C-alpha cells in the first residue's frame, strides 16, 4: 500500500511538473503579443488606458516608481533586437517627430520618456 501511494505521488508530481512546463511554454509564446498590446495601449484614446499601459510597461522593465534604470543586459535579446530594428526602419524625420510627440506627452504628465544614451556603434 505504501509503495502504491509513493508511486501515485510521483506520478501526480510528474504530471504537475509537465502541466507547469506546458503553461510556461504557452505563456512564453504569448509574451510578444502581450508586450505589443501594452505598447499599442499607449496610443489609446482614453488617457486612463495610456497611463495604465505606461505604468505596466515601466514596471515590467524595472523603471517603475522609484526604481533605478536596469542594466542593458536585463532586457531580453529579442526585445533589444526588435526595438533596434524598429528604430532602424524609421527615417530621421520620423524619429524626430516621435520624440517630439513623446516630449509633448511628457509635458502633459501622461508619460515619462526614457531615451537611451547615444551609441556610436549604431550610428
PDB file of N, CA and C in Angstrom:
ATOM      1  N   UNK A   1       0.815  -1.194   0.000  1.00  0.00           N
ATOM      2  CA  UNK A   1       0.000   0.000   0.000  1.00  0.00           C
ATOM      3  C   UNK A   1       0.866   1.269   0.000  1.00  0.00           C
ATOM      4  N   UNK A   2       1.901   1.322   0.839  1.00  0.00           N
ATOM      5  CA  UNK A   2       2.785   2.487   0.903  1.00  0.00           C
ATOM      6  C   UNK A   2       3.492   2.693  -0.426  1.00  0.00           C
ATOM      7  N   UNK A   3       3.900   1.597  -1.080  1.00  0.00           N
ATOM      8  CA  UNK A   3       4.580   1.703  -2.375  1.00  0.00           C
ATOM      9  C   UNK A   3       3.632   2.270  -3.430  1.00  0.00           C
ATOM     10  N   UNK A   4       2.384   1.860  -3.387  1.00  0.00           N
ATOM     11  CA  UNK A   4       1.399   2.364  -4.343  1.00  0.00           C
ATOM     12  C   UNK A   4       1.153   3.859  -4.133  1.00  0.00           C
ATOM     13  N   UNK A   5       1.079   4.272  -2.870  1.00  0.00           N
ATOM     14  CA  UNK A   5       0.900   5.691  -2.566  1.00  0.00           C
ATOM     15  C   UNK A   5       2.091   6.511  -3.045  1.00  0.00           C
ATOM     16  N   UNK A   6       3.296   5.990  -2.820  1.00  0.00           N
ATOM     17  CA  UNK A   6       4.503   6.688  -3.260  1.00  0.00           C
ATOM     18  C   UNK A   6       4.532   6.806  -4.781  1.00  0.00           C
ATOM     19  N   UNK A   7       4.159   5.717  -5.487  1.00  0.00           N
ATOM     20  CA  UNK A   7       4.132   5.730  -6.948  1.00  0.00           C
ATOM     21  C   UNK A   7       3.091   6.730  -7.450  1.00  0.00           C
ATOM     22  N   UNK A   8       1.919   6.740  -6.828  1.00  0.00           N
ATOM     23  CA  UNK A   8       0.856   7.674  -7.219  1.00  0.00           C
ATOM     24  C   UNK A   8       1.297   9.116  -6.986  1.00  0.00           C
ATOM     25  N   UNK A   9       2.007   9.345  -5.885  1.00  0.00           N
ATOM     26  CA  UNK A   9       2.509  10.690  -5.570  1.00  0.00           C
ATOM     27  C   UNK A   9       3.508  11.135  -6.641  1.00  0.00           C
ATOM     28  N   UNK A  10       4.434  10.233  -7.017  1.00  0.00           N
ATOM     29  CA  UNK A  10       5.433  10.561  -8.046  1.00  0.00           C
ATOM     30  C   UNK A  10       4.752  10.861  -9.381  1.00  0.00           C
ATOM     31  N   UNK A  11       3.746  10.065  -9.732  1.00  0.00           N
ATOM     32  CA  UNK A  11       3.021  10.282 -10.987  1.00  0.00           C
ATOM     33  C   UNK A  11       2.302  11.627 -10.975  1.00  0.00           C
ATOM     34  N   UNK A  12       1.682  11.932  -9.832  1.00  0.00           N
ATOM     35  CA  UNK A  12       0.980  13.211  -9.705  1.00  0.00           C
ATOM     36  C   UNK A  12       1.964  14.373  -9.799  1.00  0.00           C
ATOM     37  N   UNK A  13       3.120  14.259  -9.150  1.00  0.00           N
ATOM     38  CA  UNK A  13       4.137  15.310  -9.205  1.00  0.00           C
ATOM     39  C   UNK A  13       4.674  15.465 -10.624  1.00  0.00           C
ATOM     40  N   UNK A  14       4.888  14.343 -11.322  1.00  0.00           N
ATOM     41  CA  UNK A  14       5.375  14.399 -12.701  1.00  0.00           C
ATOM     42  C   UNK A  14       4.347  15.068 -13.604  1.00  0.00           C
ATOM     43  N   UNK A  15       3.068  14.718 -13.426  1.00  0.00           N
ATOM     44  CA  UNK A  15       2.005  15.325 -14.230  1.00  0.00           C
ATOM     45  C   UNK A  15       1.911  16.823 -13.947  1.00  0.00           C
ATOM     46  N   UNK A  16       2.047  17.189 -12.677  1.00  0.00           N
ATOM     47  CA  UNK A  16       2.002  18.606 -12.308  1.00  0.00           C
ATOM     48  C   UNK A  16       3.162  19.374 -12.916  1.00  0.00           C
ATOM     49  N   UNK A  17       4.358  18.781 -12.890  1.00  0.00           N
ATOM     50  CA  UNK A  17       5.528  19.430 -13.468  1.00  0.00           C
ATOM     51  C   UNK A  17       5.363  19.594 -14.975  1.00  0.00           C
ATOM     52  N   UNK A  18       4.797  18.585 -15.625  1.00  0.00           N
ATOM     53  CA  UNK A  18       4.571  18.657 -17.071  1.00  0.00           C
ATOM     54  C   UNK A  18       3.554  19.750 -17.407  1.00  0.00           C
ATOM     55  N   UNK A  19       2.489  19.830 -16.611  1.00  0.00           N
ATOM     56  CA  UNK A  19       1.480  20.864 -16.831  1.00  0.00           C
ATOM     57  C   UNK A  19       2.084  22.258 -16.629  1.00  0.00           C
ATOM     58  N   UNK A  20       2.927  22.392 -15.621  1.00  0.00           N
ATOM     59  CA  UNK A  20       3.582  23.670 -15.361  1.00  0.00           C
ATOM     60  C   UNK A  20       4.506  24.039 -16.517  1.00  0.00           C
ATOM     61  N   UNK A  21       5.256  23.081 -17.030  1.00  0.00           N
ATOM     62  CA  UNK A  21       6.125  23.337 -18.184  1.00  0.00           C
ATOM     63  C   UNK A  21       5.303  23.769 -19.397  1.00  0.00           C
ATOM     64  N   UNK A  22       4.162  23.095 -19.624  1.00  0.00           N
ATOM     65  CA  UNK A  22       3.294  23.459 -20.739  1.00  0.00           C
ATOM     66  C   UNK A  22       2.772  24.889 -20.567  1.00  0.00           C
ATOM     67  N   UNK A  23       2.345  25.226 -19.372  1.00  0.00           N
ATOM     68  CA  UNK A  23       1.830  26.568 -19.108  1.00  0.00           C
ATOM     69  C   UNK A  23       2.915  27.616 -19.334  1.00  0.00           C
ATOM     70  N   UNK A  24       4.122  27.357 -18.867  1.00  0.00           N
ATOM     71  CA  UNK A  24       5.231  28.309 -19.071  1.00  0.00           C
ATOM     72  C   UNK A  24       5.528  28.485 -20.552  1.00  0.00           C
ATOM     73  N   UNK A  25       5.501  27.397 -21.318  1.00  0.00           N
ATOM     74  CA  UNK A  25       5.768  27.472 -22.753  1.00  0.00           C
ATOM     75  C   UNK A  25       4.695  28.303 -23.446  1.00  0.00           C
ATOM     76  N   UNK A  26       3.439  28.048 -23.109  1.00  0.00           N
ATOM     77  CA  UNK A  26       2.331  28.788 -23.720  1.00  0.00           C
ATOM     78  C   UNK A  26       2.444  30.273 -23.394  1.00  0.00           C
ATOM     79  N   UNK A  27       2.731  30.597 -22.146  1.00  0.00           N
ATOM     80  CA  UNK A  27       2.867  31.998 -21.744  1.00  0.00           C
ATOM     81  C   UNK A  27       4.064  32.662 -22.416  1.00  0.00           C
ATOM     82  N   UNK A  28       5.166  31.939 -22.527  1.00  0.00           N
ATOM     83  CA  UNK A  28       6.352  32.486 -23.192  1.00  0.00           C
ATOM     84  C   UNK A  28       6.057  32.778 -24.661  1.00  0.00           C
ATOM     85  N   UNK A  29       5.296  31.899 -25.308  1.00  0.00           N
ATOM     86  CA  UNK A  29       4.943  32.116 -26.709  1.00  0.00           C
ATOM     87  C   UNK A  29       4.007  33.318 -26.879  1.00  0.00           C
ATOM     88  N   UNK A  30       3.173  33.579 -25.882  1.00  0.00           N
ATOM     89  CA  UNK A  30       2.230  34.692 -25.959  1.00  0.00           C
ATOM     90  C   UNK A  30       2.840  36.016 -25.503  1.00  0.00           C
ATOM     91  N   UNK A  31       3.994  35.978 -24.875  1.00  0.00           N
ATOM     92  CA  UNK A  31       4.597  37.189 -24.314  1.00  0.00           C
ATOM     93  C   UNK A  31       4.807  38.298 -25.346  1.00  0.00           C
ATOM     94  N   UNK A  32       5.306  38.014 -26.551  1.00  0.00           N
ATOM     95  CA  UNK A  32       5.468  39.115 -27.512  1.00  0.00           C
ATOM     96  C   UNK A  32       4.142  39.795 -27.865  1.00  0.00           C
ATOM     97  N   UNK A  33       3.060  39.020 -27.989  1.00  0.00           N
ATOM     98  CA  UNK A  33       1.751  39.616 -28.287  1.00  0.00           C
ATOM     99  C   UNK A  33       1.275  40.469 -27.115  1.00  0.00           C
ATOM    100  N   UNK A  34       1.506  39.985 -25.906  1.00  0.00           N
ATOM    101  CA  UNK A  34       1.090  40.751 -24.721  1.00  0.00           C
ATOM    102  C   UNK A  34       1.879  42.055 -24.633  1.00  0.00           C
ATOM    103  N   UNK A  35       3.172  41.979 -24.894  1.00  0.00           N
ATOM    104  CA  UNK A  35       4.007  43.184 -24.865  1.00  0.00           C
ATOM    105  C   UNK A  35       3.536  44.179 -25.922  1.00  0.00           C
ATOM    106  N   UNK A  36       3.230  43.703 -27.119  1.00  0.00           N
ATOM    107  CA  UNK A  36       2.767  44.594 -28.180  1.00  0.00           C
ATOM    108  C   UNK A  36       1.426  45.220 -27.816  1.00  0.00           C
ATOM    109  N   UNK A  37       0.562  44.458 -27.152  1.00  0.00           N
ATOM    110  CA  UNK A  37      -0.726  45.006 -26.729  1.00  0.00           C
ATOM    111  C   UNK A  37      -0.525  46.157 -25.745  1.00  0.00           C
ATOM    112  N   UNK A  38       0.447  46.023 -24.843  1.00  0.00           N
ATOM    113  CA  UNK A  38       0.740  47.116 -23.913  1.00  0.00           C
ATOM    114  C   UNK A  38       1.267  48.334 -24.659  1.00  0.00           C
ATOM    115  N   UNK A  39       2.164  48.108 -25.601  1.00  0.00           N
ATOM    116  CA  UNK A  39       2.706  49.219 -26.390  1.00  0.00           C
ATOM    117  C   UNK A  39       1.584  49.899 -27.171  1.00  0.00           C
ATOM    118  N   UNK A  40       0.710  49.120 -27.785  1.00  0.00           N
ATOM    119  CA  UNK A  40      -0.413  49.678 -28.537  1.00  0.00           C
ATOM    120  C   UNK A  40      -1.346  50.482 -27.639  1.00  0.00           C
ATOM    121  N   UNK A  41      -1.497  50.053 -26.395  1.00  0.00           N
ATOM    122  CA  UNK A  41      -2.386  50.749 -25.457  1.00  0.00           C
ATOM    123  C   UNK A  41      -1.878  52.151 -25.128  1.00  0.00           C
ATOM    124  N   UNK A  42      -0.606  52.413 -25.359  1.00  0.00           N
ATOM    125  CA  UNK A  42      -0.080  53.757 -25.141  1.00  0.00           C
ATOM    126  C   UNK A  42      -0.720  54.773 -26.081  1.00  0.00           C
ATOM    127  N   UNK A  43      -1.257  54.312 -27.203  1.00  0.00           N
ATOM    128  CA  UNK A  43      -1.877  55.183 -28.201  1.00  0.00           C
ATOM    129  C   UNK A  43      -3.402  55.218 -28.071  1.00  0.00           C
ATOM    130  N   UNK A  44      -3.964  54.580 -27.057  1.00  0.00           N
ATOM    131  CA  UNK A  44      -5.412  54.529 -26.883  1.00  0.00           C
ATOM    132  C   UNK A  44      -5.968  55.933 -26.679  1.00  0.00           C
ATOM    133  N   UNK A  45      -7.208  56.137 -27.110  1.00  0.00           N
ATOM    134  CA  UNK A  45      -7.850  57.446 -26.969  1.00  0.00           C
ATOM    135  C   UNK A  45      -8.144  57.799 -25.510  1.00  0.00           C
ATOM    136  N   UNK A  46      -8.260  56.803 -24.659  1.00  0.00           N
ATOM    137  CA  UNK A  46      -8.575  57.030 -23.242  1.00  0.00           C
ATOM    138  C   UNK A  46      -7.268  57.241 -22.463  1.00  0.00           C
ATOM    139  N   UNK A  47      -7.072  58.416 -21.871  1.00  0.00           N
ATOM    140  CA  UNK A  47      -5.826  58.667 -21.137  1.00  0.00           C
ATOM    141  C   UNK A  47      -5.618  57.726 -19.953  1.00  0.00           C
ATOM    142  N   UNK A  48      -6.713  57.176 -19.410  1.00  0.00           N
ATOM    143  CA  UNK A  48      -6.560  56.219 -18.312  1.00  0.00           C
ATOM    144  C   UNK A  48      -5.912  54.939 -18.807  1.00  0.00           C
ATOM    145  N   UNK A  49      -6.254  54.545 -20.031  1.00  0.00           N
ATOM    146  CA  UNK A  49      -5.637  53.358 -20.631  1.00  0.00           C
ATOM    147  C   UNK A  49      -4.163  53.637 -20.904  1.00  0.00           C
ATOM    148  N   UNK A  50      -3.858  54.853 -21.416  1.00  0.00           N
ATOM    149  CA  UNK A  50      -2.466  55.240 -21.658  1.00  0.00           C
ATOM    150  C   UNK A  50      -1.644  55.135 -20.387  1.00  0.00           C
ATOM    151  N   UNK A  51      -2.179  55.695 -19.314  1.00  0.00           N
ATOM    152  CA  UNK A  51      -1.463  55.695 -18.045  1.00  0.00           C
ATOM    153  C   UNK A  51      -1.263  54.277 -17.520  1.00  0.00           C
ATOM    154  N   UNK A  52      -2.298  53.471 -17.558  1.00  0.00           N
ATOM    155  CA  UNK A  52      -2.179  52.091 -17.075  1.00  0.00           C
ATOM    156  C   UNK A  52      -1.151  51.321 -17.886  1.00  0.00           C
ATOM    157  N   UNK A  53      -1.154  51.511 -19.199  1.00  0.00           N
ATOM    158  CA  UNK A  53      -0.176  50.827 -20.055  1.00  0.00           C
ATOM    159  C   UNK A  53       1.234  51.310 -19.758  1.00  0.00           C
ATOM    160  N   UNK A  54       1.395  52.614 -19.587  1.00  0.00           N
ATOM    161  CA  UNK A  54       2.721  53.164 -19.297  1.00  0.00           C
ATOM    162  C   UNK A  54       3.256  52.625 -17.971  1.00  0.00           C
ATOM    163  N   UNK A  55       2.402  52.602 -16.953  1.00  0.00           N
ATOM    164  CA  UNK A  55       2.819  52.082 -15.647  1.00  0.00           C
ATOM    165  C   UNK A  55       3.199  50.612 -15.756  1.00  0.00           C
ATOM    166  N   UNK A  56       2.380  49.831 -16.450  1.00  0.00           N
ATOM    167  CA  UNK A  56       2.665  48.406 -16.605  1.00  0.00           C
ATOM    168  C   UNK A  56       3.971  48.181 -17.343  1.00  0.00           C
ATOM    169  N   UNK A  57       4.190  48.939 -18.413  1.00  0.00           N
ATOM    170  CA  UNK A  57       5.437  48.784 -19.175  1.00  0.00           C
ATOM    171  C   UNK A  57       6.651  49.157 -18.333  1.00  0.00           C
ATOM    172  N   UNK A  58       6.567  50.278 -17.660  1.00  0.00           N
ATOM    173  CA  UNK A  58       7.705  50.708 -16.843  1.00  0.00           C
ATOM    174  C   UNK A  58       7.990  49.726 -15.716  1.00  0.00           C
ATOM    175  N   UNK A  59       6.944  49.202 -15.093  1.00  0.00           N
ATOM    176  CA  UNK A  59       7.144  48.202 -14.044  1.00  0.00           C
ATOM    177  C   UNK A  59       7.835  46.962 -14.594  1.00  0.00           C
ATOM    178  N   UNK A  60       7.427  46.529 -15.779  1.00  0.00           N
ATOM    179  CA  UNK A  60       7.965  45.295 -16.350  1.00  0.00           C
ATOM    180  C   UNK A  60       9.422  45.423 -16.776  1.00  0.00           C
ATOM    181  N   UNK A  61       9.851  46.639 -17.100  1.00  0.00           N
ATOM    182  CA  UNK A  61      11.250  46.817 -17.489  1.00  0.00           C
ATOM    183  C   UNK A  61      12.093  47.367 -16.340  1.00  0.00           C
ATOM    184  N   UNK A  62      11.506  47.438 -15.153  1.00  0.00           N
ATOM    185  CA  UNK A  62      12.268  47.848 -13.973  1.00  0.00           C
ATOM    186  C   UNK A  62      12.385  49.335 -13.791  1.00  0.00           C
ATOM    187  N   UNK A  63      11.541  50.112 -14.480  1.00  0.00           N
ATOM    188  CA  UNK A  63      11.594  51.568 -14.347  1.00  0.00           C
ATOM    189  C   UNK A  63      10.360  52.115 -13.648  1.00  0.00           C
ATOM    190  N   UNK A  64       9.733  51.278 -12.844  1.00  0.00           N
ATOM    191  CA  UNK A  64       8.550  51.705 -12.108  1.00  0.00           C
ATOM    192  C   UNK A  64       8.900  52.779 -11.099  1.00  0.00           C
ATOM    193  N   UNK A  65       7.910  53.259 -10.416  1.00  0.00           N
ATOM    194  CA  UNK A  65       8.068  54.357  -9.459  1.00  0.00           C
ATOM    195  C   UNK A  65       9.210  54.076  -8.486  1.00  0.00           C
ATOM    196  N   UNK A  66      10.181  54.971  -8.473  1.00  0.00           N
ATOM    197  CA  UNK A  66      11.298  54.863  -7.539  1.00  0.00           C
ATOM    198  C   UNK A  66      12.367  53.857  -7.934  1.00  0.00           C
ATOM    199  N   UNK A  67      12.226  53.230  -9.085  1.00  0.00           N
ATOM    200  CA  UNK A  67      13.218  52.225  -9.485  1.00  0.00           C
ATOM    201  C   UNK A  67      14.339  52.872 -10.277  1.00  0.00           C
ATOM    202  N   UNK A  68      15.503  52.285 -10.161  1.00  0.00           N
ATOM    203  CA  UNK A  68      16.643  52.732 -10.962  1.00  0.00           C
ATOM    204  C   UNK A  68      16.568  52.053 -12.327  1.00  0.00           C
ATOM    205  N   UNK A  69      17.189  52.657 -13.300  1.00  0.00           N
ATOM    206  CA  UNK A  69      17.204  52.068 -14.641  1.00  0.00           C
ATOM    207  C   UNK A  69      17.926  50.729 -14.622  1.00  0.00           C
ATOM    208  N   UNK A  70      17.374  49.746 -15.324  1.00  0.00           N
ATOM    209  CA  UNK A  70      18.024  48.434 -15.344  1.00  0.00           C
ATOM    210  C   UNK A  70      19.273  48.455 -16.212  1.00  0.00           C
ATOM    211  N   UNK A  71      20.147  47.529 -15.956  1.00  0.00           N
ATOM    212  CA  UNK A  71      21.315  47.369 -16.806  1.00  0.00           C
ATOM    213  C   UNK A  71      20.832  46.902 -18.174  1.00  0.00           C
ATOM    214  N   UNK A  72      21.483  47.308 -19.264  1.00  0.00           N
ATOM    215  CA  UNK A  72      21.029  46.891 -20.586  1.00  0.00           C
ATOM    216  C   UNK A  72      20.897  45.383 -20.729  1.00  0.00           C
ATOM    217  N   UNK A  73      21.712  44.623 -20.019  1.00  0.00           N
ATOM    218  CA  UNK A  73      21.657  43.170 -20.131  1.00  0.00           C
ATOM    219  C   UNK A  73      20.355  42.603 -19.577  1.00  0.00           C
ATOM    220  N   UNK A  74      19.590  43.402 -18.795  1.00  0.00           N
ATOM    221  CA  UNK A  74      18.360  42.880 -18.218  1.00  0.00           C
ATOM    222  C   UNK A  74      17.237  42.780 -19.243  1.00  0.00           C
ATOM    223  N   UNK A  75      17.389  43.448 -20.390  1.00  0.00           N
ATOM    224  CA  UNK A  75      16.397  43.324 -21.450  1.00  0.00           C
ATOM    225  C   UNK A  75      16.671  42.064 -22.252  1.00  0.00           C
ATOM    226  N   UNK A  76      15.619  41.386 -22.627  1.00  0.00           N
ATOM    227  CA  UNK A  76      15.779  40.170 -23.416  1.00  0.00           C
ATOM    228  C   UNK A  76      16.410  40.521 -24.758  1.00  0.00           C
ATOM    229  N   UNK A  77      17.310  39.688 -25.248  1.00  0.00           N
ATOM    230  CA  UNK A  77      17.966  39.988 -26.534  1.00  0.00           C
ATOM    231  C   UNK A  77      16.974  40.187 -27.677  1.00  0.00           C
ATOM    232  N   UNK A  78      15.875  39.422 -27.695  1.00  0.00           N
ATOM    233  CA  UNK A  78      14.911  39.600 -28.778  1.00  0.00           C
ATOM    234  C   UNK A  78      14.179  40.934 -28.669  1.00  0.00           C
ATOM    235  N   UNK A  79      13.974  41.428 -27.452  1.00  0.00           N
ATOM    236  CA  UNK A  79      13.336  42.732 -27.271  1.00  0.00           C
ATOM    237  C   UNK A  79      14.256  43.843 -27.756  1.00  0.00           C
ATOM    238  N   UNK A  80      15.537  43.735 -27.435  1.00  0.00           N
ATOM    239  CA  UNK A  80      16.512  44.730 -27.888  1.00  0.00           C
ATOM    240  C   UNK A  80      16.594  44.706 -29.412  1.00  0.00           C
ATOM    241  N   UNK A  81      16.610  43.518 -29.990  1.00  0.00           N
ATOM    242  CA  UNK A  81      16.689  43.389 -31.447  1.00  0.00           C
ATOM    243  C   UNK A  81      15.460  43.989 -32.117  1.00  0.00           C
ATOM    244  N   UNK A  82      14.274  43.740 -31.544  1.00  0.00           N
ATOM    245  CA  UNK A  82      13.039  44.280 -32.117  1.00  0.00           C
ATOM    246  C   UNK A  82      13.026  45.800 -32.057  1.00  0.00           C
ATOM    247  N   UNK A  83      13.405  46.366 -30.913  1.00  0.00           N
ATOM    248  CA  UNK A  83      13.440  47.825 -30.796  1.00  0.00           C
ATOM    249  C   UNK A  83      14.470  48.421 -31.746  1.00  0.00           C
ATOM    250  N   UNK A  84      15.629  47.805 -31.827  1.00  0.00           N
ATOM    251  CA  UNK A  84      16.674  48.295 -32.728  1.00  0.00           C
ATOM    252  C   UNK A  84      16.191  48.269 -34.169  1.00  0.00           C
ATOM    253  N   UNK A  85      15.555  47.168 -34.557  1.00  0.00           N
ATOM    254  CA  UNK A  85      15.045  47.046 -35.927  1.00  0.00           C
ATOM    255  C   UNK A  85      13.975  48.098 -36.193  1.00  0.00           C
ATOM    256  N   UNK A  86      13.103  48.319 -35.214  1.00  0.00           N
ATOM    257  CA  UNK A  86      12.041  49.310 -35.389  1.00  0.00           C
ATOM    258  C   UNK A  86      12.633  50.702 -35.590  1.00  0.00           C
ATOM    259  N   UNK A  87      13.640  51.057 -34.789  1.00  0.00           N
ATOM    260  CA  UNK A  87      14.270  52.373 -34.929  1.00  0.00           C
ATOM    261  C   UNK A  87      15.021  52.498 -36.251  1.00  0.00           C
ATOM    262  N   UNK A  88      15.670  51.428 -36.680  1.00  0.00           N
ATOM    263  CA  UNK A  88      16.416  51.481 -37.950  1.00  0.00           C
ATOM    264  C   UNK A  88      15.489  51.674 -39.141  1.00  0.00           C
ATOM    265  N   UNK A  89      14.258  51.172 -39.049  1.00  0.00           N
ATOM    266  CA  UNK A  89      13.306  51.325 -40.153  1.00  0.00           C
ATOM    267  C   UNK A  89      12.756  52.751 -40.247  1.00  0.00           C
ATOM    268  N   UNK A  90      12.874  53.514 -39.178  1.00  0.00           N
ATOM    269  CA  UNK A  90      12.337  54.876 -39.170  1.00  0.00           C
ATOM    270  C   UNK A  90      13.348  55.833 -39.792  1.00  0.00           C
ATOM    271  N   UNK A  91      12.815  56.801 -40.521  1.00  0.00           N
ATOM    272  CA  UNK A  91      13.683  57.844 -41.059  1.00  0.00           C
ATOM    273  C   UNK A  91      14.045  58.803 -39.930  1.00  0.00           C
ATOM    274  N   UNK A  92      15.037  59.656 -40.177  1.00  0.00           N
ATOM    275  CA  UNK A  92      15.393  60.652 -39.175  1.00  0.00           C
ATOM    276  C   UNK A  92      14.204  61.549 -38.851  1.00  0.00           C
ATOM    277  N   UNK A  93      13.453  61.909 -39.884  1.00  0.00           N
ATOM    278  CA  UNK A  93      12.283  62.773 -39.666  1.00  0.00           C
ATOM    279  C   UNK A  93      11.237  62.065 -38.811  1.00  0.00           C
ATOM    280  N   UNK A  94      11.025  60.771 -39.058  1.00  0.00           N
ATOM    281  CA  UNK A  94      10.063  60.012 -38.254  1.00  0.00           C
ATOM    282  C   UNK A  94      10.523  59.905 -36.804  1.00  0.00           C
ATOM    283  N   UNK A  95      11.807  59.659 -36.603  1.00  0.00           N
ATOM    284  CA  UNK A  95      12.343  59.594 -35.239  1.00  0.00           C
ATOM    285  C   UNK A  95      12.176  60.926 -34.520  1.00  0.00           C
ATOM    286  N   UNK A  96      12.521  62.019 -35.205  1.00  0.00           N
ATOM    287  CA  UNK A  96      12.387  63.341 -34.597  1.00  0.00           C
ATOM    288  C   UNK A  96      10.934  63.644 -34.259  1.00  0.00           C
ATOM    289  N   UNK A  97      10.025  63.283 -35.161  1.00  0.00           N
ATOM    290  CA  UNK A  97       8.599  63.504 -34.906  1.00  0.00           C
ATOM    291  C   UNK A  97       8.132  62.702 -33.698  1.00  0.00           C
ATOM    292  N   UNK A  98       8.539  61.437 -33.617  1.00  0.00           N
ATOM    293  CA  UNK A  98       8.125  60.591 -32.480  1.00  0.00           C
ATOM    294  C   UNK A  98       8.680  61.132 -31.167  1.00  0.00           C
ATOM    295  N   UNK A  99       9.908  61.614 -31.187  1.00  0.00           N
ATOM    296  CA  UNK A  99      10.496  62.203 -29.976  1.00  0.00           C
ATOM    297  C   UNK A  99       9.702  63.442 -29.568  1.00  0.00           C
ATOM    298  N   UNK A 100       9.343  64.289 -30.542  1.00  0.00           N
ATOM    299  CA  UNK A 100       8.527  65.480 -30.226  1.00  0.00           C
ATOM    300  C   UNK A 100       7.189  65.073 -29.618  1.00  0.00           C
ATOM    301  N   UNK A 101       6.554  64.038 -30.178  1.00  0.00           N
ATOM    302  CA  UNK A 101       5.270  63.570 -29.648  1.00  0.00           C
ATOM    303  C   UNK A 101       5.416  63.072 -28.210  1.00  0.00           C
ATOM    304  N   UNK A 102       6.464  62.293 -27.964  1.00  0.00           N
ATOM    305  CA  UNK A 102       6.679  61.768 -26.614  1.00  0.00           C
ATOM    306  C   UNK A 102       6.996  62.888 -25.628  1.00  0.00           C
ATOM    307  N   UNK A 103       7.779  63.869 -26.077  1.00  0.00           N
ATOM    308  CA  UNK A 103       8.079  65.008 -25.203  1.00  0.00           C
ATOM    309  C   UNK A 103       6.810  65.791 -24.873  1.00  0.00           C
ATOM    310  N   UNK A 104       5.932  65.953 -25.858  1.00  0.00           N
ATOM    311  CA  UNK A 104       4.666  66.653 -25.613  1.00  0.00           C
ATOM    312  C   UNK A 104       3.817  65.873 -24.614  1.00  0.00           C
ATOM    313  N   UNK A 105       3.769  64.555 -24.773  1.00  0.00           N
ATOM    314  CA  UNK A 105       3.032  63.718 -23.824  1.00  0.00           C
ATOM    315  C   UNK A 105       3.625  63.854 -22.416  1.00  0.00           C
ATOM    316  N   UNK A 106       4.941  63.874 -22.337  1.00  0.00           N
ATOM    317  CA  UNK A 106       5.596  64.002 -21.033  1.00  0.00           C
ATOM    318  C   UNK A 106       5.270  65.350 -20.399  1.00  0.00           C
ATOM    319  N   UNK A 107       5.210  66.410 -21.215  1.00  0.00           N
ATOM    320  CA  UNK A 107       4.869  67.735 -20.694  1.00  0.00           C
ATOM    321  C   UNK A 107       3.459  67.764 -20.117  1.00  0.00           C
ATOM    322  N   UNK A 108       2.573  66.963 -20.695  1.00  0.00           N
ATOM    323  CA  UNK A 108       1.199  66.884 -20.184  1.00  0.00           C
ATOM    324  C   UNK A 108       1.095  65.919 -19.007  1.00  0.00           C
ATOM    325  N   UNK A 109       2.214  65.298 -18.637  1.00  0.00           N
ATOM    326  CA  UNK A 109       2.211  64.386 -17.498  1.00  0.00           C
ATOM    327  C   UNK A 109       1.620  63.034 -17.797  1.00  0.00           C
ATOM    328  N   UNK A 110       1.491  62.697 -19.064  1.00  0.00           N
ATOM    329  CA  UNK A 110       0.847  61.437 -19.425  1.00  0.00           C
ATOM    330  C   UNK A 110       1.826  60.284 -19.539  1.00  0.00           C
ATOM    331  N   UNK A 111       3.078  60.576 -19.783  1.00  0.00           N
ATOM    332  CA  UNK A 111       4.049  59.508 -19.964  1.00  0.00           C
ATOM    333  C   UNK A 111       5.424  60.043 -19.602  1.00  0.00           C
ATOM    334  N   UNK A 112       6.251  59.185 -19.109  1.00  0.00           N
ATOM    335  CA  UNK A 112       7.632  59.533 -18.819  1.00  0.00           C
ATOM    336  C   UNK A 112       8.481  58.903 -19.900  1.00  0.00           C
ATOM    337  N   UNK A 113       9.369  59.690 -20.479  1.00  0.00           N
ATOM    338  CA  UNK A 113      10.187  59.198 -21.583  1.00  0.00           C
ATOM    339  C   UNK A 113      11.610  58.975 -21.100  1.00  0.00           C
ATOM    340  N   UNK A 114      12.112  57.760 -21.309  1.00  0.00           N
ATOM    341  CA  UNK A 114      13.482  57.427 -21.028  1.00  0.00           C
ATOM    342  C   UNK A 114      14.155  57.104 -22.361  1.00  0.00           C
ATOM    343  N   UNK A 115      15.082  57.924 -22.770  1.00  0.00           N
ATOM    344  CA  UNK A 115      15.799  57.662 -24.016  1.00  0.00           C
ATOM    345  C   UNK A 115      17.172  57.110 -23.691  1.00  0.00           C
ATOM    346  N   UNK A 116      17.605  56.076 -24.414  1.00  0.00           N
ATOM    347  CA  UNK A 116      18.934  55.526 -24.155  1.00  0.00           C
ATOM    348  C   UNK A 116      20.002  56.502 -24.607  1.00  0.00           C
ATOM    349  N   UNK A 117      21.175  56.354 -24.040  1.00  0.00           N
ATOM    350  CA  UNK A 117      22.292  57.169 -24.457  1.00  0.00           C
ATOM    351  C   UNK A 117      22.643  56.835 -25.896  1.00  0.00           C
ATOM    352  N   UNK A 118      23.164  57.817 -26.605  1.00  0.00           N
ATOM    353  CA  UNK A 118      23.550  57.569 -27.987  1.00  0.00           C
ATOM    354  C   UNK A 118      24.698  56.568 -28.020  1.00  0.00           C
ATOM    355  N   UNK A 119      24.586  55.644 -28.937  1.00  0.00           N
ATOM    356  CA  UNK A 119      25.605  54.590 -29.076  1.00  0.00           C
ATOM    357  C   UNK A 119      26.321  54.784 -30.389  1.00  0.00           C
ATOM    358  N   UNK A 120      27.607  55.100 -30.334  1.00  0.00           N
ATOM    359  CA  UNK A 120      28.387  55.342 -31.545  1.00  0.00           C
ATOM    360  C   UNK A 120      28.410  54.118 -32.460  1.00  0.00           C
ATOM    361  N   UNK A 121      28.285  52.946 -31.898  1.00  0.00           N
ATOM    362  CA  UNK A 121      28.348  51.715 -32.690  1.00  0.00           C
ATOM    363  C   UNK A 121      27.130  51.565 -33.597  1.00  0.00           C
ATOM    364  N   UNK A 122      25.990  52.151 -33.207  1.00  0.00           N
ATOM    365  CA  UNK A 122      24.779  52.001 -34.018  1.00  0.00           C
ATOM    366  C   UNK A 122      24.500  53.216 -34.885  1.00  0.00           C
ATOM    367  N   UNK A 123      25.311  54.245 -34.750  1.00  0.00           N
ATOM    368  CA  UNK A 123      25.139  55.419 -35.618  1.00  0.00           C
ATOM    369  C   UNK A 123      24.074  56.291 -35.096  1.00  0.00           C
TER     370      UNK A 123
END
